[in-house]
Amino acid sequence: MAQYVIFYLGGNQPSTPEEGKQHFAKYMEWLSSLGSAAISPANPLKNTMTISPDGSIGNGGITMMSGYTVVEADSMDTALAMGKTCPFLEIGGSLEVSELMQMPSQK
């Protein structure tokens, strides 16, 4: 079965701690609903830095990516269907879904 990465982009921060807890509970419920298909379920990112082609380093990223989840699915359509039910979309975020390419082993 192929593996797909669901990238979390943008999204609005919760306005209160209670709102944050409610969203987190929905997110954890969604991850649980994926069952064994979620092979690397929650990978939040922080302290992003960007290295430019000239070697200079800047604070922050250019993609607004805040994390990712890796899932196994039999097709891109199935992976997209998983993503469409993600509560991250409810907070103004968007998702990108990419199939992971399997690289040949190096020895």
Foldseek 3Di string as FASTA:
>chain_A
DWKKKKWKADFDDDPDVVSVVVLVVQQVVLLVVLPVQFVFAWFFDDFDWDQDPVRDIGTDDDGRTGTITMGDDPDPVVVVVSVVSHCSVVRVIDIDMDIDDDDDDDD
